[in-house]
Amino acid sequence: MTHQLSRRELLRSAAIQLGALTLIGRTPGTASLQDPVVAARCLPVRAKRVIFLFMHGGPSQVDTFDWKPLLERDNGKPLPFAKPRVQFAQTGNLLKSPWKFAQHGESGAWVSELFPHIARRVDDLCFIKSLHGTNSAHGGALLSLHTGTDTFVRPSMGSWILHGLGTENRDLPGFITISPTLGHGGVQNWSSAFLPGSTQGSPVGRSGLPAKEARLRHLTDPSRLPEAQAEDLRLLRDLNSASRTSASHSPMLDAQLDAFELAYRMQSEAPSAFDVSKESVETQKLYGIDQPTTEDFGRQCLLARRLSERGVRFVQCSHSYKWDQHENLKAGHAKNAAEVDLPIAGLLTDLKSRDLLKDTLVLWAGEFGRTPTAQGKDGRDHNPHGFTIWMAGGGVKPGFSYGATDDYGFYATQDKVHIHDLHATILALLGLDHEKLTHRYAGRDFRLTDVSGRIIKETFA
C-alpha cells in the first residue's frame, strides 16, 4: 500500500534535504578557535534571546523612572549649572513632572503614575539611570542605539547577535522586527550591512500600519506545489555551488539563496507562529488585546513572546514615532504610556509564568531622554546626556538600579554608561565577548562596540 504524504510531511522532508544541501561547504569542522565568531563565545551564557521594546521618540526619564525631588522644588527656576554647549533646540527654566512618583515593590523603585502596571513588576527590572550618547538628533541617536555608530552604515545589534550565536529555529528568521520605523535611519536600524545577508532583520509590518495587519509578505506561492518549489531550490543550489569556483562569485548570491530556502521552510512554521488568535482569551486580555488603547502594542508584545519561545533569537517591538513631546508633554506622554504599560507588564508576567524570563533578556529603551528644562510652555527637548533604560530577565540583577543623573536629571554623573557599554553588556549576557566578536571588512576588523565598551558586570545577577 502506498503511503500518501501530507503537505506538512512533504514540507518537513524537503526542508531536511535542503538543509543538508545548505551545509555543504559550511560544516562545523571548517571552523576553528581562531574564527572570531567562535572565539567570541567564551563568556557564561545568561540569556539565549532578546526582546527589544523600542520607544521611538525619546521618553522623558524625569517623568517615568528617574524621580527628582529638587526638580519639583525648583520648578520654574533657571537650571543652576550650564546647559550643553551644543543643543538640539533652546530650552528655558526647570519644568517639574506633572506626574506623581511612588516607591514600589521590595526594591522600593520609584515609578511615576504613568506606569501603574509596570510598577507592579519593578522587582523584575534592572534600571540603568546613567545612559548617555553623543547625538541629539533622532536619526543619529537611533542609529547609535541600533548599530553602535551615528555616522556610518554598520550592522545592527540584532544582526551582530544572530551572527555570533546563530539561530535556534531554521524555519523562522533569527531576527524579526515588528512594526519598525521607516524614518530616522529606516532599514539601516535592522540592516546586516557587511555581515552575511542571512543576519539581516526581517520586518513584519511597519510603523503606521496596525499590528493586526502586520504580516510576512509573500509567505506562500499558491501557483507552485511544494515539490516543484523544492526542485527549483535544488537546481539553484547546484548552480550556485558550481559558481563557487569562479572569481566573480558573490556572497550576496549565497544570502539570496539562503533567503529563498528560509522562505520555503517558513511555509509550514510561520502561519501558526504569527496567529495570536490561537492564544486563550485570558492571555489576550493579559496583553490588553481586548482594549482599543492597548490592542496594537499588545499584539506586538504577544507576538514577540510567541516568536521567542519558538527560537527567534532577536525580536524588536517598536512604539513609533510617539514619544517626541516638544510640546503637550502631559497629554502626549500620558497617551503613549497608556498604550504600552499594560502590554509590557503582560509580557513580563507571561514570560515569567512560562519560565522564559530567566533566559530571555527584555530591553526597554528610547534613543535618548528629554531635558528637565522646558521647551515652550509644556514640552521637553531631546537629551542624550543622561537618561534611563531598563532590562529584565536574561541574567540581570532584578530589583536593581545602576548609575544616576544629577539632581535635576540633565547629565549622567554617577557610574556613567555609554551606548557602547550597553551593547558590550548585552553581548556579555548572551555569552559573547564584544572585543572578540569581529568581522573583517575592507581591511579592518569591525565590531558592534567599535573601539570601546565596558561590560557593566554590576548589573549581572
Protein backbone atom coordinates (compact mmCIF):
# COMPACT_ATOMS: atom_id res chain seq x y z
CA MET A 1 0.00 0.00 0.00
CA THR A 2 1.46 3.39 -0.95
CA HIS A 3 1.68 5.93 1.86
CA GLN A 4 0.36 9.37 0.85
CA LEU A 5 2.43 12.20 2.34
CA SER A 6 0.53 15.10 3.83
CA ARG A 7 1.52 18.64 2.85
CA ARG A 8 3.17 19.18 6.24
CA GLU A 9 5.15 15.91 5.97
CA LEU A 10 6.27 16.78 2.45
CA LEU A 11 7.43 20.25 3.53
CA ARG A 12 9.30 18.85 6.51
CA SER A 13 11.03 16.19 4.41
CA ALA A 14 12.03 18.64 1.71
CA ALA A 15 13.30 21.13 4.29
CA ILE A 16 15.58 18.48 5.80
CA GLN A 17 17.01 17.67 2.37
CA LEU A 18 17.51 21.35 1.61
CA GLY A 19 19.18 21.83 4.98
CA ALA A 20 21.69 19.13 4.09
CA LEU A 21 22.47 20.90 0.83
CA THR A 22 22.86 24.19 2.64
CA LEU A 23 25.52 22.73 4.92
CA ILE A 24 27.75 21.66 2.03
CA GLY A 25 30.96 23.62 2.37
CA ARG A 26 29.86 25.08 5.71
CA THR A 27 30.28 22.17 8.10
CA PRO A 28 31.30 22.86 11.70
CA GLY A 29 34.59 21.16 11.01
CA THR A 30 35.68 24.10 8.89
CA ALA A 31 35.54 26.46 11.87
CA SER A 32 38.45 26.88 14.25
CA LEU A 33 39.12 28.53 17.57
CA GLN A 34 40.74 31.33 15.58
CA ASP A 35 37.42 32.13 13.92
CA PRO A 36 36.32 35.44 15.53
CA VAL A 37 32.72 34.26 15.86
CA VAL A 38 33.80 31.03 17.59
CA ALA A 39 36.32 32.80 19.79
CA ALA A 40 33.70 35.35 20.88
CA ARG A 41 31.54 32.67 22.52
CA CYS A 42 33.64 32.48 25.64
CA LEU A 43 31.61 34.09 28.44
CA PRO A 44 28.99 32.49 30.70
CA VAL A 45 25.64 32.32 28.93
CA ARG A 46 22.94 34.06 30.95
CA ALA A 47 20.49 34.88 28.15
CA LYS A 48 19.61 32.97 24.99
CA ARG A 49 17.47 35.56 23.23
CA VAL A 50 16.48 39.23 23.29
CA ILE A 51 13.19 41.12 23.13
CA PHE A 52 13.81 44.81 22.48
CA LEU A 53 10.93 47.16 23.32
CA PHE A 54 11.85 50.34 21.48
CA MET A 55 10.13 53.59 22.47
CA HIS A 56 10.76 55.71 19.39
CA GLY A 57 10.95 59.44 20.04
CA GLY A 58 12.65 59.59 23.42
CA PRO A 59 10.67 59.06 26.66
CA SER A 60 11.41 61.54 29.43
CA GLN A 61 13.43 59.95 32.22
CA VAL A 62 12.30 62.58 34.76
CA ASP A 63 8.65 61.77 34.04
CA THR A 64 8.93 57.98 34.09
CA PHE A 65 11.60 56.25 36.23
CA ASP A 66 14.09 58.91 37.42
CA TRP A 67 12.43 60.80 40.25
CA LYS A 68 13.99 64.20 41.01
CA PRO A 69 12.56 65.92 44.12
CA LEU A 70 14.71 69.02 43.52
CA LEU A 71 13.16 69.40 40.07
CA GLU A 72 9.78 69.61 41.75
CA ARG A 73 11.05 72.01 44.40
CA ASP A 74 12.76 74.34 41.92
CA ASN A 75 10.07 74.32 39.24
CA GLY A 76 10.26 77.48 37.12
CA LYS A 77 13.76 78.43 38.26
CA PRO A 78 16.83 78.56 35.97
CA LEU A 79 18.99 75.46 35.75
CA PRO A 80 21.76 76.09 38.31
CA PHE A 81 24.53 74.85 36.02
CA ALA A 82 25.46 75.16 32.36
CA LYS A 83 23.42 73.54 29.65
CA PRO A 84 25.24 71.56 26.93
CA ARG A 85 27.32 73.65 24.54
CA VAL A 86 25.52 72.01 21.60
CA GLN A 87 21.77 71.66 22.00
CA PHE A 88 19.08 70.43 19.63
CA ALA A 89 16.98 73.48 20.49
CA GLN A 90 16.85 76.15 23.18
CA THR A 91 15.08 75.45 26.44
CA GLY A 92 14.05 77.66 29.34
CA ASN A 93 13.71 77.11 33.07
CA LEU A 94 13.18 73.92 35.02
CA LEU A 95 9.87 72.10 34.50
CA LYS A 96 8.67 69.70 37.17
CA SER A 97 6.98 66.46 36.22
CA PRO A 98 3.19 66.66 36.02
CA TRP A 99 3.01 63.12 37.44
CA LYS A 100 3.45 61.88 40.98
CA PHE A 101 6.09 59.30 41.81
CA ALA A 102 5.85 56.49 44.36
CA GLN A 103 8.00 53.62 45.51
CA HIS A 104 7.02 50.09 44.54
CA GLY A 105 7.95 46.51 45.31
CA GLU A 106 10.50 45.20 47.75
CA SER A 107 13.17 47.12 45.83
CA GLY A 108 11.42 50.41 46.52
CA ALA A 109 11.96 51.61 42.97
CA TRP A 110 10.47 54.99 42.14
CA VAL A 111 8.00 54.90 39.26
CA SER A 112 5.70 57.64 38.05
CA GLU A 113 1.96 57.17 37.92
CA LEU A 114 2.30 56.91 34.13
CA PHE A 115 3.14 53.20 34.52
CA PRO A 116 0.87 51.59 37.15
CA HIS A 117 1.17 48.12 35.61
CA ILE A 118 4.93 48.13 35.06
CA ALA A 119 5.24 49.47 38.63
CA ARG A 120 3.94 46.09 39.85
CA ARG A 121 6.84 44.38 38.05
CA VAL A 122 9.69 46.60 39.31
CA ASP A 123 11.24 43.76 41.29
CA ASP A 124 11.96 42.08 37.94
CA LEU A 125 13.59 45.19 36.46
CA CYS A 126 17.21 46.27 36.34
CA PHE A 127 17.41 50.02 35.74
CA ILE A 128 20.34 51.84 34.19
CA LYS A 129 19.81 55.51 35.02
CA SER A 130 23.05 56.90 33.64
CA LEU A 131 22.96 56.02 29.96
CA HIS A 132 24.38 58.65 27.63
CA GLY A 133 25.12 59.07 23.94
CA THR A 134 26.54 61.74 21.68
CA ASN A 135 23.80 62.61 19.20
CA SER A 136 20.80 64.80 19.97
CA ALA A 137 19.04 64.20 16.64
CA HIS A 138 16.63 61.30 16.16
CA GLY A 139 18.37 59.85 13.11
CA GLY A 140 21.84 59.74 14.61
CA ALA A 141 20.59 58.61 18.01
CA LEU A 142 18.54 55.76 16.52
CA LEU A 143 21.50 54.55 14.50
CA SER A 144 23.76 54.76 17.53
CA LEU A 145 21.40 52.72 19.70
CA HIS A 146 20.75 50.15 16.99
CA THR A 147 24.18 49.90 15.31
CA GLY A 148 26.73 51.48 17.63
CA THR A 149 27.51 54.39 15.32
CA ASP A 150 25.67 57.52 14.24
CA THR A 151 27.82 58.37 11.22
CA PHE A 152 28.37 55.19 9.20
CA VAL A 153 26.40 52.24 7.84
CA ARG A 154 27.10 49.40 10.24
CA PRO A 155 25.42 46.09 11.15
CA SER A 156 22.59 46.34 13.64
CA MET A 157 22.69 44.94 17.16
CA GLY A 158 20.29 42.14 16.19
CA SER A 159 22.47 41.19 13.22
CA TRP A 160 25.61 41.01 15.37
CA ILE A 161 23.80 38.81 17.89
CA LEU A 162 22.48 36.48 15.19
CA HIS A 163 25.92 36.40 13.57
CA GLY A 164 27.52 35.44 16.86
CA LEU A 165 25.00 32.87 18.07
CA GLY A 166 23.16 31.61 15.01
CA THR A 167 19.51 30.67 15.06
CA GLU A 168 17.59 28.27 17.28
CA ASN A 169 14.91 27.63 14.65
CA ARG A 170 15.89 27.19 11.00
CA ASP A 171 12.25 27.51 9.94
CA LEU A 172 11.91 31.13 11.11
CA PRO A 173 14.12 34.20 10.69
CA GLY A 174 16.56 34.61 13.56
CA PHE A 175 15.95 38.37 13.75
CA ILE A 176 12.46 39.84 13.39
CA THR A 177 11.46 43.48 13.81
CA ILE A 178 7.75 44.15 14.29
CA SER A 179 6.22 47.40 13.02
CA PRO A 180 9.62 49.07 12.52
CA THR A 181 10.02 52.73 11.74
CA LEU A 182 10.82 53.69 8.17
CA GLY A 183 12.28 57.03 9.24
CA HIS A 184 15.36 58.15 11.17
CA GLY A 185 17.67 55.67 9.51
CA GLY A 186 14.92 53.29 8.46
CA VAL A 187 16.18 49.95 7.25
CA GLN A 188 19.71 50.73 8.48
CA ASN A 189 18.41 50.15 12.00
CA TRP A 190 17.89 46.45 11.23
CA SER A 191 20.40 46.04 8.43
CA SER A 192 23.18 43.44 8.33
CA ALA A 193 25.42 45.88 6.37
CA PHE A 194 28.62 43.94 5.63
CA LEU A 195 27.69 40.90 7.76
CA PRO A 196 26.15 37.91 5.94
CA GLY A 197 22.77 38.80 4.47
CA SER A 198 21.13 35.99 6.44
CA THR A 199 21.61 38.02 9.63
CA GLN A 200 19.50 40.96 8.46
CA GLY A 201 16.30 41.68 10.33
CA SER A 202 13.04 40.58 8.75
CA PRO A 203 10.44 43.37 9.03
CA VAL A 204 6.88 42.41 9.86
CA GLY A 205 4.57 45.30 9.08
CA ARG A 206 5.75 48.89 9.51
CA SER A 207 5.07 51.93 11.65
CA GLY A 208 1.71 53.46 10.88
CA LEU A 209 0.21 50.09 9.93
CA PRO A 210 -1.96 48.42 12.59
CA ALA A 211 -0.19 45.48 14.16
CA LYS A 212 -3.14 43.21 13.36
CA GLU A 213 -2.32 43.81 9.68
CA ALA A 214 1.40 43.21 10.12
CA ARG A 215 2.43 40.01 8.45
CA LEU A 216 5.21 38.48 6.40
CA ARG A 217 4.57 39.20 2.75
CA HIS A 218 4.55 36.54 0.01
CA LEU A 219 4.65 33.71 2.56
CA THR A 220 3.08 31.21 0.18
CA ASP A 221 3.06 30.69 -3.56
CA PRO A 222 -0.30 29.18 -4.47
CA SER A 223 0.79 28.72 -8.08
CA ARG A 224 3.61 26.28 -7.22
CA LEU A 225 3.28 22.95 -5.47
CA PRO A 226 5.77 22.28 -2.62
CA GLU A 227 7.57 19.57 -4.56
CA ALA A 228 8.05 21.93 -7.52
CA GLN A 229 9.45 24.62 -5.20
CA ALA A 230 11.86 22.08 -3.73
CA GLU A 231 13.09 21.13 -7.20
CA ASP A 232 13.63 24.80 -8.07
CA LEU A 233 15.71 25.35 -4.95
CA ARG A 234 17.80 22.24 -5.57
CA LEU A 235 18.60 23.49 -9.04
CA LEU A 236 19.52 26.93 -7.73
CA ARG A 237 21.75 25.40 -5.08
CA ASP A 238 23.50 23.24 -7.67
CA LEU A 239 24.07 26.21 -9.96
CA ASN A 240 25.32 28.30 -7.09
CA SER A 241 27.70 25.56 -5.95
CA ALA A 242 29.12 25.40 -9.45
CA SER A 243 29.81 29.13 -9.38
CA ARG A 244 31.80 28.98 -6.16
CA THR A 245 34.98 28.27 -8.07
CA SER A 246 34.50 31.44 -10.10
CA ALA A 247 36.37 34.58 -9.11
CA SER A 248 33.20 36.56 -9.66
CA HIS A 249 31.20 34.58 -7.06
CA SER A 250 29.39 36.96 -4.69
CA PRO A 251 28.37 36.29 -1.08
CA MET A 252 25.17 38.15 -1.96
CA LEU A 253 24.21 35.17 -4.09
CA ASP A 254 24.56 32.88 -1.08
CA ALA A 255 22.47 35.26 1.02
CA GLN A 256 19.74 35.37 -1.62
CA LEU A 257 19.58 31.61 -1.86
CA ASP A 258 19.53 31.30 1.94
CA ALA A 259 16.55 33.66 1.92
CA PHE A 260 14.77 31.56 -0.73
CA GLU A 261 15.30 28.39 1.31
CA LEU A 262 14.18 30.02 4.54
CA ALA A 263 11.05 31.32 2.83
CA TYR A 264 10.33 27.81 1.60
CA ARG A 265 10.71 26.29 5.08
CA MET A 266 8.65 29.06 6.69
CA GLN A 267 5.53 27.98 4.81
CA SER A 268 4.91 25.27 7.40
CA GLU A 269 6.07 27.12 10.54
CA ALA A 270 5.28 30.82 10.19
CA PRO A 271 1.47 30.84 9.78
CA SER A 272 0.88 29.29 13.19
CA ALA A 273 3.65 31.35 14.84
CA PHE A 274 2.05 34.62 13.77
CA ASP A 275 -1.53 33.62 14.60
CA VAL A 276 -2.16 35.21 18.01
CA SER A 277 -5.83 34.18 17.83
CA LYS A 278 -4.67 30.74 19.00
CA GLU A 279 -3.97 32.23 22.43
CA SER A 280 -6.55 31.92 25.19
CA VAL A 281 -8.93 34.75 26.00
CA GLU A 282 -7.14 35.17 29.34
CA THR A 283 -3.74 35.55 27.66
CA GLN A 284 -5.04 38.05 25.13
CA LYS A 285 -6.57 40.03 27.98
CA LEU A 286 -3.25 39.93 29.84
CA TYR A 287 -1.65 41.80 26.92
CA GLY A 288 -4.57 44.21 26.53
CA ILE A 289 -5.63 42.95 23.12
CA ASP A 290 -9.25 43.25 24.26
CA GLN A 291 -8.93 47.04 24.69
CA PRO A 292 -8.64 49.62 21.89
CA THR A 293 -5.92 51.62 23.65
CA THR A 294 -3.57 48.69 24.23
CA GLU A 295 -4.59 46.35 21.41
CA ASP A 296 -1.90 47.41 18.94
CA PHE A 297 1.21 47.23 21.12
CA GLY A 298 -0.31 44.28 22.96
CA ARG A 299 -0.30 42.33 19.71
CA GLN A 300 3.35 43.21 19.18
CA CYS A 301 4.31 42.03 22.65
CA LEU A 302 2.32 38.80 22.41
CA LEU A 303 3.82 38.09 19.01
CA ALA A 304 7.28 38.71 20.49
CA ARG A 305 6.64 36.06 23.13
CA ARG A 306 5.34 33.57 20.56
CA LEU A 307 8.38 34.11 18.34
CA SER A 308 10.85 33.99 21.21
CA GLU A 309 9.54 30.69 22.54
CA ARG A 310 9.90 29.29 19.01
CA GLY A 311 13.60 30.12 18.92
CA VAL A 312 13.77 33.53 17.23
CA ARG A 313 16.99 34.98 18.62
CA PHE A 314 16.17 38.71 18.49
CA VAL A 315 12.70 40.28 18.35
CA GLN A 316 12.09 44.01 18.32
CA CYS A 317 8.76 45.73 19.02
CA SER A 318 8.61 49.43 18.14
CA HIS A 319 6.25 52.01 19.55
CA SER A 320 6.78 54.52 16.75
CA TYR A 321 7.08 57.53 16.49
CA LYS A 322 5.24 58.90 19.51
CA TRP A 323 7.45 59.97 22.40
CA ASP A 324 8.79 63.22 20.94
CA GLN A 325 6.91 65.72 23.10
CA HIS A 326 8.44 69.12 22.36
CA GLU A 327 5.06 70.41 23.48
CA ASN A 328 1.95 68.95 25.09
CA LEU A 329 4.10 66.75 27.32
CA LYS A 330 1.28 65.83 29.69
CA ALA A 331 -1.18 64.76 27.01
CA GLY A 332 1.42 63.06 24.79
CA HIS A 333 3.29 61.03 27.38
CA ALA A 334 0.03 60.04 29.09
CA LYS A 335 -1.36 58.68 25.82
CA ASN A 336 1.87 56.87 24.96
CA ALA A 337 2.27 55.26 28.38
CA ALA A 338 -1.35 54.09 28.36
CA GLU A 339 -0.72 52.27 25.07
CA VAL A 340 2.34 50.32 26.27
CA ASP A 341 2.09 49.97 30.07
CA LEU A 342 -0.32 47.03 30.26
CA PRO A 343 1.16 45.12 27.28
CA ILE A 344 4.71 45.36 28.66
CA ALA A 345 3.64 44.25 32.13
CA GLY A 346 1.69 41.42 30.49
CA LEU A 347 4.76 40.34 28.53
CA LEU A 348 6.91 40.21 31.68
CA THR A 349 4.22 38.30 33.56
CA ASP A 350 3.72 35.82 30.71
CA LEU A 351 7.42 35.19 30.18
CA LYS A 352 7.91 34.56 33.88
CA SER A 353 4.94 32.20 34.15
CA ARG A 354 6.33 30.16 31.25
CA ASP A 355 9.83 30.07 32.78
CA LEU A 356 11.14 32.02 29.78
CA LEU A 357 12.15 35.25 31.53
CA LYS A 358 15.21 33.66 33.14
CA ASP A 359 16.94 33.27 29.75
CA THR A 360 15.14 35.96 27.74
CA LEU A 361 16.64 39.43 28.03
CA VAL A 362 13.96 42.13 27.77
CA LEU A 363 15.30 45.60 26.95
CA TRP A 364 13.21 48.79 27.19
CA ALA A 365 14.77 51.93 25.73
CA GLY A 366 14.31 55.04 23.66
CA GLU A 367 17.03 56.66 21.56
CA PHE A 368 17.59 59.35 24.21
CA GLY A 369 15.83 61.07 27.10
CA ARG A 370 14.47 64.58 27.49
CA THR A 371 15.54 67.79 29.17
CA PRO A 372 14.37 68.71 32.68
CA THR A 373 14.12 72.25 31.34
CA ALA A 374 11.05 73.42 29.47
CA GLN A 375 10.73 73.83 25.74
CA GLY A 376 7.93 76.31 25.15
CA LYS A 377 5.15 76.17 27.69
CA ASP A 378 4.89 72.44 28.43
CA GLY A 379 7.40 70.46 26.38
CA ARG A 380 10.88 68.98 26.72
CA ASP A 381 13.72 68.85 24.21
CA HIS A 382 15.98 65.93 23.23
CA ASN A 383 18.56 64.95 25.82
CA PRO A 384 21.25 62.32 25.07
CA HIS A 385 23.38 63.35 28.06
CA GLY A 386 21.67 61.27 30.73
CA PHE A 387 18.61 59.02 30.53
CA THR A 388 17.08 55.81 31.82
CA ILE A 389 16.59 52.39 30.27
CA TRP A 390 15.78 49.08 31.91
CA MET A 391 16.39 45.38 31.35
CA ALA A 392 14.67 42.33 32.78
CA GLY A 393 15.37 38.60 32.87
CA GLY A 394 18.28 37.13 30.95
CA GLY A 395 20.69 37.09 33.89
CA VAL A 396 20.39 40.71 35.02
CA LYS A 397 20.00 41.64 38.67
CA PRO A 398 16.28 42.05 39.46
CA GLY A 399 15.04 44.94 41.56
CA PHE A 400 18.27 46.84 40.99
CA SER A 401 19.25 50.32 39.87
CA TYR A 402 22.64 51.31 38.49
CA GLY A 403 24.02 54.80 37.90
CA ALA A 404 22.45 58.20 38.39
CA THR A 405 21.95 61.59 36.83
CA ASP A 406 22.44 64.95 38.55
CA ASP A 407 19.85 66.38 40.95
CA TYR A 408 17.69 67.60 38.07
CA GLY A 409 18.17 64.72 35.61
CA PHE A 410 20.14 66.51 32.87
CA TYR A 411 23.53 64.76 32.86
CA ALA A 412 24.69 61.25 33.75
CA THR A 413 27.02 61.77 36.70
CA GLN A 414 27.42 58.53 38.65
CA ASP A 415 28.60 55.27 37.06
CA LYS A 416 28.07 56.62 33.56
CA VAL A 417 27.10 54.09 30.88
CA HIS A 418 27.78 54.85 27.23
CA ILE A 419 25.83 53.22 24.41
CA HIS A 420 28.93 51.09 23.69
CA ASP A 421 28.89 49.92 27.32
CA LEU A 422 25.23 48.90 26.98
CA HIS A 423 25.98 46.92 23.83
CA ALA A 424 29.00 45.25 25.46
CA THR A 425 26.82 44.28 28.42
CA ILE A 426 24.03 42.84 26.27
CA LEU A 427 26.52 40.74 24.28
CA ALA A 428 28.14 39.53 27.51
CA LEU A 429 24.79 38.40 28.89
CA LEU A 430 24.45 36.31 25.72
CA GLY A 431 27.89 34.78 26.30
CA LEU A 432 29.64 36.90 23.65
CA ASP A 433 32.85 38.87 24.20
CA HIS A 434 32.31 42.19 22.41
CA GLU A 435 36.05 42.61 21.81
CA LYS A 436 36.27 39.24 20.05
CA LEU A 437 33.03 39.33 18.07
CA THR A 438 34.58 40.94 15.00
CA HIS A 439 34.12 40.85 11.25
CA ARG A 440 36.85 41.77 8.80
CA TYR A 441 35.68 44.12 6.08
CA ALA A 442 37.59 46.46 3.77
CA GLY A 443 40.85 45.64 5.50
CA ARG A 444 39.68 46.32 9.04
CA ASP A 445 38.16 44.32 11.90
CA PHE A 446 34.81 45.79 12.91
CA ARG A 447 32.69 45.19 15.99
CA LEU A 448 29.41 46.47 17.46
CA THR A 449 31.25 48.46 20.14
CA ASP A 450 33.83 49.92 17.71
CA VAL A 451 37.00 50.51 19.77
CA SER A 452 35.47 50.94 23.24
CA GLY A 453 32.83 49.47 25.50
CA ARG A 454 32.85 48.28 29.12
CA ILE A 455 30.78 45.38 30.41
CA ILE A 456 28.61 46.60 33.30
CA LYS A 457 29.07 43.49 35.42
CA GLU A 458 27.40 45.19 38.37
CA THR A 459 24.06 44.59 36.63
CA PHE A 460 24.58 40.80 36.47
CA ALA A 461 22.67 38.57 38.87
